[in-house]
Amino acid sequence: MKSVFLQLLLLSCLVLQSVAGKTKRHHKKYILDPPPCKSAPESCDRICIHSKDCPEGLECCSSFCGIICSENKKPKRRKQRMFKVQS
């Protein structure tokens, strides 16, 4: 009876360790990797690691050309005007 209890205890500890490792990697990746850029970058010449490396008004974000400083604002959508059809 003791051996079954010890085996179940060992199995539960191993399962908990594997789950905790996956969440730890996920949080580490989220902290280390900047978010993707919301709009296309203006230029790819300002490389950064953190937002504090960027000039004022720019944020560090990930784009197709690497991790760069960009305005990182959503592109403005133009409003569509509705025209009345005269008959």
C-alpha atoms as a PDB file:
ATOM      1  CA  MET A   1       0.000   0.000   0.000  1.00  0.00           C
ATOM      2  CA  LYS A   2       2.859   2.374   0.814  1.00  0.00           C
ATOM      3  CA  SER A   3       4.499   1.787  -2.560  1.00  0.00           C
ATOM      4  CA  VAL A   4       1.301   2.720  -4.432  1.00  0.00           C
ATOM      5  CA  PHE A   5       0.998   5.911  -2.392  1.00  0.00           C
ATOM      6  CA  LEU A   6       4.644   6.813  -3.044  1.00  0.00           C
ATOM      7  CA  GLN A   7       4.252   6.135  -6.770  1.00  0.00           C
ATOM      8  CA  LEU A   8       1.172   8.367  -6.962  1.00  0.00           C
ATOM      9  CA  LEU A   9       2.953  11.076  -5.000  1.00  0.00           C
ATOM     10  CA  LEU A  10       5.965  10.910  -7.323  1.00  0.00           C
ATOM     11  CA  LEU A  11       3.745  10.974 -10.407  1.00  0.00           C
ATOM     12  CA  SER A  12       1.795  14.012  -9.176  1.00  0.00           C
ATOM     13  CA  CYS A  13       5.038  15.881  -8.406  1.00  0.00           C
ATOM     14  CA  LEU A  14       6.389  15.186 -11.893  1.00  0.00           C
ATOM     15  CA  VAL A  15       3.166  16.360 -13.529  1.00  0.00           C
ATOM     16  CA  LEU A  16       3.136  19.584 -11.500  1.00  0.00           C
ATOM     17  CA  GLN A  17       6.767  20.318 -12.400  1.00  0.00           C
ATOM     18  CA  SER A  18       6.123  19.939 -16.127  1.00  0.00           C
ATOM     19  CA  VAL A  19       3.093  22.239 -15.982  1.00  0.00           C
ATOM     20  CA  ALA A  20       4.934  24.876 -13.951  1.00  0.00           C
ATOM     21  CA  GLY A  21       7.830  24.824 -16.418  1.00  0.00           C
ATOM     22  CA  LYS A  22       5.560  25.550 -19.370  1.00  0.00           C
ATOM     23  CA  THR A  23       3.925  28.544 -17.708  1.00  0.00           C
ATOM     24  CA  LYS A  24       7.309  29.865 -16.600  1.00  0.00           C
ATOM     25  CA  ARG A  25       8.615  29.751 -20.184  1.00  0.00           C
ATOM     26  CA  HIS A  26       5.465  31.489 -21.417  1.00  0.00           C
ATOM     27  CA  HIS A  27       5.835  34.356 -18.932  1.00  0.00           C
ATOM     28  CA  LYS A  28       9.561  34.701 -19.642  1.00  0.00           C
ATOM     29  CA  LYS A  29       8.880  34.913 -23.388  1.00  0.00           C
ATOM     30  CA  TYR A  30       6.180  37.544 -22.808  1.00  0.00           C
ATOM     31  CA  ILE A  31       8.516  39.649 -20.679  1.00  0.00           C
ATOM     32  CA  LEU A  32      11.553  39.390 -22.970  1.00  0.00           C
ATOM     33  CA  ASP A  33       9.868  39.689 -26.376  1.00  0.00           C
ATOM     34  CA  PRO A  34       8.278  43.046 -27.195  1.00  0.00           C
ATOM     35  CA  PRO A  35       4.762  43.098 -28.664  1.00  0.00           C
ATOM     36  CA  PRO A  36       4.315  43.182 -32.447  1.00  0.00           C
ATOM     37  CA  CYS A  37       4.076  46.593 -34.109  1.00  0.00           C
ATOM     38  CA  LYS A  38       0.500  47.733 -34.714  1.00  0.00           C
ATOM     39  CA  SER A  39       1.386  49.515 -37.949  1.00  0.00           C
ATOM     40  CA  ALA A  40       4.130  49.272 -40.545  1.00  0.00           C
ATOM     41  CA  PRO A  41       7.356  50.843 -39.236  1.00  0.00           C
ATOM     42  CA  GLU A  42       8.507  54.166 -40.646  1.00  0.00           C
ATOM     43  CA  SER A  43      12.150  53.040 -40.761  1.00  0.00           C
ATOM     44  CA  CYS A  44      14.151  50.046 -39.586  1.00  0.00           C
ATOM     45  CA  ASP A  45      17.271  51.933 -38.466  1.00  0.00           C
ATOM     46  CA  ARG A  46      16.418  52.341 -34.743  1.00  0.00           C
ATOM     47  CA  ILE A  47      17.106  48.993 -33.088  1.00  0.00           C
ATOM     48  CA  CYS A  48      16.120  48.581 -29.424  1.00  0.00           C
ATOM     49  CA  ILE A  49      15.890  46.080 -26.580  1.00  0.00           C
ATOM     50  CA  HIS A  50      13.515  47.938 -24.227  1.00  0.00           C
ATOM     51  CA  SER A  51      11.189  50.902 -24.678  1.00  0.00           C
ATOM     52  CA  LYS A  52      13.555  52.982 -22.538  1.00  0.00           C
ATOM     53  CA  ASP A  53      16.137  52.663 -25.364  1.00  0.00           C
ATOM     54  CA  CYS A  54      13.812  54.554 -27.726  1.00  0.00           C
ATOM     55  CA  PRO A  55      13.463  58.338 -28.048  1.00  0.00           C
ATOM     56  CA  GLU A  56      10.438  59.997 -26.476  1.00  0.00           C
ATOM     57  CA  GLY A  57       7.210  59.224 -28.329  1.00  0.00           C
ATOM     58  CA  LEU A  58       8.465  55.911 -29.728  1.00  0.00           C
ATOM     59  CA  GLU A  59       8.032  52.385 -28.363  1.00  0.00           C
ATOM     60  CA  CYS A  60      10.020  49.203 -28.805  1.00  0.00           C
ATOM     61  CA  CYS A  61       8.078  46.664 -30.891  1.00  0.00           C
ATOM     62  CA  SER A  62       8.694  43.643 -33.095  1.00  0.00           C
ATOM     63  CA  SER A  63       8.323  43.990 -36.882  1.00  0.00           C
ATOM     64  CA  PHE A  64       9.424  42.218 -40.058  1.00  0.00           C
ATOM     65  CA  CYS A  65      12.833  43.914 -39.880  1.00  0.00           C
ATOM     66  CA  GLY A  66      13.547  43.084 -36.234  1.00  0.00           C
ATOM     67  CA  ILE A  67      12.945  44.738 -32.885  1.00  0.00           C
ATOM     68  CA  ILE A  68      12.813  48.475 -33.549  1.00  0.00           C
ATOM     69  CA  CYS A  69      11.607  51.813 -32.185  1.00  0.00           C
ATOM     70  CA  SER A  70       8.319  52.806 -33.790  1.00  0.00           C
ATOM     71  CA  GLU A  71       5.291  54.989 -33.062  1.00  0.00           C
ATOM     72  CA  ASN A  72       3.344  51.745 -32.598  1.00  0.00           C
ATOM     73  CA  LYS A  73      -0.060  53.314 -33.125  1.00  0.00           C
ATOM     74  CA  LYS A  74      -2.989  51.725 -34.863  1.00  0.00           C
ATOM     75  CA  PRO A  75      -3.377  53.042 -38.400  1.00  0.00           C
ATOM     76  CA  LYS A  76      -6.201  55.529 -38.745  1.00  0.00           C
ATOM     77  CA  ARG A  77      -9.180  54.241 -40.648  1.00  0.00           C
ATOM     78  CA  ARG A  78     -10.881  56.630 -42.964  1.00  0.00           C
ATOM     79  CA  LYS A  79     -14.587  56.999 -42.459  1.00  0.00           C
ATOM     80  CA  GLN A  80     -16.662  55.924 -45.396  1.00  0.00           C
ATOM     81  CA  ARG A  81     -19.289  58.412 -46.392  1.00  0.00           C
ATOM     82  CA  MET A  82     -22.696  57.245 -47.347  1.00  0.00           C
ATOM     83  CA  PHE A  83     -24.103  58.924 -50.434  1.00  0.00           C
ATOM     84  CA  LYS A  84     -27.765  59.067 -51.218  1.00  0.00           C
ATOM     85  CA  VAL A  85     -28.750  57.845 -54.626  1.00  0.00           C
ATOM     86  CA  GLN A  86     -31.091  60.301 -56.267  1.00  0.00           C
ATOM     87  CA  SER A  87     -33.764  58.840 -58.480  1.00  0.00           C
END
